[in-house]
Amino acid sequence: MSKEVIFHINNMAYTITVDEEIYGDLSKYIDLERNNDVKDLLVAYLRITQEYHVFKKDVDESLEKLSRF
C-alpha cells in the first residue's frame, strides 16, 4: 500500500508517495516530523550507503562460500 510522505527540507515541503515498508526505512534514518537541512539528508544518505555496503559484502561472502560447492 502506498503512503504520502512530506519531507521538510530547508523550510520547503516536498511530497512523495512510497510503499509503507519504505516509509519505515526512511523514518529510521531521518526525522520526518521536523524541518531537516541538507546536512541531515547527507547523514541519512551516508548511513544508508554504509548499511548497503555491509549488506553487499555479506552477500558477496555468502556467494563465494556457495560457489565452492
C-alpha atoms as a PDB file:
ATOM      1  CA  MET A   1       0.000   0.000   0.000  1.00  0.00           C
ATOM      2  CA  SER A   2       1.265   3.498  -0.782  1.00  0.00           C
ATOM      3  CA  LYS A   3       1.725   6.330   1.661  1.00  0.00           C
ATOM      4  CA  GLU A   4       2.376  10.021   1.108  1.00  0.00           C
ATOM      5  CA  VAL A   5       5.467  11.358   2.829  1.00  0.00           C
ATOM      6  CA  ILE A   6       6.183  15.037   3.290  1.00  0.00           C
ATOM      7  CA  PHE A   7       9.831  15.988   3.653  1.00  0.00           C
ATOM      8  CA  HIS A   8      10.541  19.399   5.143  1.00  0.00           C
ATOM      9  CA  ILE A   9      13.938  20.437   3.855  1.00  0.00           C
ATOM     10  CA  ASN A  10      15.293  23.928   4.423  1.00  0.00           C
ATOM     11  CA  ASN A  11      11.757  25.142   5.210  1.00  0.00           C
ATOM     12  CA  MET A  12      10.332  23.794   1.947  1.00  0.00           C
ATOM     13  CA  ALA A  13       7.890  20.881   1.743  1.00  0.00           C
ATOM     14  CA  TYR A  14       8.355  18.025  -0.725  1.00  0.00           C
ATOM     15  CA  THR A  15       5.702  15.321  -1.032  1.00  0.00           C
ATOM     16  CA  ILE A  16       6.424  11.864  -2.410  1.00  0.00           C
ATOM     17  CA  THR A  17       4.490   8.608  -2.478  1.00  0.00           C
ATOM     18  CA  VAL A  18       6.238   5.483  -1.187  1.00  0.00           C
ATOM     19  CA  ASP A  19       5.366   1.961  -0.081  1.00  0.00           C
ATOM     20  CA  GLU A  20       4.719   1.625   3.642  1.00  0.00           C
ATOM     21  CA  GLU A  21       7.788  -0.608   4.014  1.00  0.00           C
ATOM     22  CA  ILE A  22       9.989   2.122   2.559  1.00  0.00           C
ATOM     23  CA  TYR A  23       8.367   4.651   4.895  1.00  0.00           C
ATOM     24  CA  GLY A  24       9.619   2.636   7.859  1.00  0.00           C
ATOM     25  CA  ASP A  25      13.131   2.632   6.443  1.00  0.00           C
ATOM     26  CA  LEU A  26      13.006   6.363   5.738  1.00  0.00           C
ATOM     27  CA  SER A  27      11.858   7.231   9.221  1.00  0.00           C
ATOM     28  CA  LYS A  28      14.721   5.152  10.633  1.00  0.00           C
ATOM     29  CA  TYR A  29      17.300   7.488   9.089  1.00  0.00           C
ATOM     30  CA  ILE A  30      15.651  10.906   9.003  1.00  0.00           C
ATOM     31  CA  ASP A  31      13.132  12.672  11.211  1.00  0.00           C
ATOM     32  CA  LEU A  32      10.034  13.171   9.060  1.00  0.00           C
ATOM     33  CA  GLU A  33       8.276  15.267  11.715  1.00  0.00           C
ATOM     34  CA  ARG A  34      10.617  18.267  11.662  1.00  0.00           C
ATOM     35  CA  ASN A  35      12.428  20.545   9.274  1.00  0.00           C
ATOM     36  CA  ASN A  36      15.677  18.985   8.058  1.00  0.00           C
ATOM     37  CA  ASP A  37      18.622  20.628   6.416  1.00  0.00           C
ATOM     38  CA  VAL A  38      20.992  19.347   3.756  1.00  0.00           C
ATOM     39  CA  LYS A  39      23.366  18.043   6.437  1.00  0.00           C
ATOM     40  CA  ASP A  40      20.600  15.776   7.801  1.00  0.00           C
ATOM     41  CA  LEU A  41      19.974  14.402   4.312  1.00  0.00           C
ATOM     42  CA  LEU A  42      23.681  13.790   3.766  1.00  0.00           C
ATOM     43  CA  VAL A  43      23.985  11.927   7.077  1.00  0.00           C
ATOM     44  CA  ALA A  44      20.936   9.791   6.223  1.00  0.00           C
ATOM     45  CA  TYR A  45      22.383   9.023   2.783  1.00  0.00           C
ATOM     46  CA  LEU A  46      25.735   8.034   4.282  1.00  0.00           C
ATOM     47  CA  ARG A  47      24.077   5.739   6.826  1.00  0.00           C
ATOM     48  CA  ILE A  48      22.021   4.013   4.143  1.00  0.00           C
ATOM     49  CA  THR A  49      25.095   3.699   1.920  1.00  0.00           C
ATOM     50  CA  GLN A  50      27.076   2.165   4.769  1.00  0.00           C
ATOM     51  CA  GLU A  51      24.253  -0.291   5.526  1.00  0.00           C
ATOM     52  CA  TYR A  52      24.089  -1.250   1.841  1.00  0.00           C
ATOM     53  CA  HIS A  53      27.868  -1.732   1.675  1.00  0.00           C
ATOM     54  CA  VAL A  54      27.832  -4.090   4.681  1.00  0.00           C
ATOM     55  CA  PHE A  55      24.867  -5.993   3.214  1.00  0.00           C
ATOM     56  CA  LYS A  56      26.585  -6.312  -0.184  1.00  0.00           C
ATOM     57  CA  LYS A  57      29.787  -7.530   1.457  1.00  0.00           C
ATOM     58  CA  ASP A  58      27.847 -10.191   3.387  1.00  0.00           C
ATOM     59  CA  VAL A  59      26.054 -11.341   0.217  1.00  0.00           C
ATOM     60  CA  ASP A  60      29.323 -11.498  -1.734  1.00  0.00           C
ATOM     61  CA  GLU A  61      30.948 -13.566   1.012  1.00  0.00           C
ATOM     62  CA  SER A  62      27.968 -15.938   1.094  1.00  0.00           C
ATOM     63  CA  LEU A  63      28.050 -16.316  -2.685  1.00  0.00           C
ATOM     64  CA  GLU A  64      31.759 -17.068  -2.584  1.00  0.00           C
ATOM     65  CA  LYS A  65      31.189 -19.804   0.016  1.00  0.00           C
ATOM     66  CA  LEU A  66      28.343 -21.273  -2.052  1.00  0.00           C
ATOM     67  CA  SER A  67      30.416 -21.274  -5.216  1.00  0.00           C
ATOM     68  CA  ARG A  68      32.888 -23.656  -3.579  1.00  0.00           C
ATOM     69  CA  PHE A  69      30.277 -26.422  -3.555  1.00  0.00           C
END
